[in-house]
Amino acid sequence: MTEALLTGLLIFGVGMGAAFVAGQIAALTGVAEMHAGLACRWP
């Protein structure tokens, strides 16, 4: 039981990490560097 849970959590963690990185790349593609920051202030 524990091994199955650990395996599932590891697969889930890798998948979520890959999805987060891919989402960030997709969201920031074509955005100017001055608008890509966390505390960006739109003019």
Protein backbone atom coordinates (compact mmCIF):
# COMPACT_ATOMS: atom_id res chain seq x y z
CA MET A 1 0.00 0.00 0.00
CA THR A 2 2.71 2.47 0.97
CA GLU A 3 4.79 1.73 -2.14
CA ALA A 4 1.79 2.29 -4.42
CA LEU A 5 1.04 5.60 -2.70
CA LEU A 6 4.65 6.73 -2.93
CA THR A 7 4.82 5.79 -6.61
CA GLY A 8 1.64 7.71 -7.36
CA LEU A 9 2.81 10.78 -5.47
CA LEU A 10 6.17 10.76 -7.26
CA ILE A 11 4.51 10.52 -10.66
CA PHE A 12 2.04 13.24 -9.69
CA GLY A 13 4.85 15.51 -8.45
CA VAL A 14 6.88 15.15 -11.64
CA GLY A 15 3.78 15.78 -13.76
CA MET A 16 2.77 18.87 -11.81
CA GLY A 17 6.31 20.25 -12.00
CA ALA A 18 6.39 19.76 -15.77
CA ALA A 19 2.93 21.31 -16.15
CA PHE A 20 3.91 24.35 -14.08
CA VAL A 21 7.04 24.99 -16.12
CA ALA A 22 5.18 24.53 -19.41
CA GLY A 23 2.43 26.88 -18.22
CA GLN A 24 4.91 29.56 -17.26
CA ILE A 25 6.66 29.32 -20.61
CA ALA A 26 3.34 29.54 -22.45
CA ALA A 27 2.13 32.47 -20.34
CA LEU A 28 5.30 34.52 -20.74
CA THR A 29 6.03 33.86 -24.40
CA GLY A 30 6.02 37.15 -26.26
CA VAL A 31 5.80 39.29 -23.10
CA ALA A 32 8.26 42.15 -22.79
CA GLU A 33 10.82 41.78 -20.00
CA MET A 34 9.51 44.87 -18.21
CA HIS A 35 6.03 43.28 -18.02
CA ALA A 36 7.14 39.79 -17.01
CA GLY A 37 7.91 40.46 -13.34
CA LEU A 38 5.77 39.47 -10.37
CA ALA A 39 5.35 43.05 -9.17
CA CYS A 40 4.85 44.48 -12.64
CA ARG A 41 2.94 47.74 -12.84
CA TRP A 42 1.10 48.25 -16.09
CA PRO A 43 1.41 51.81 -17.40
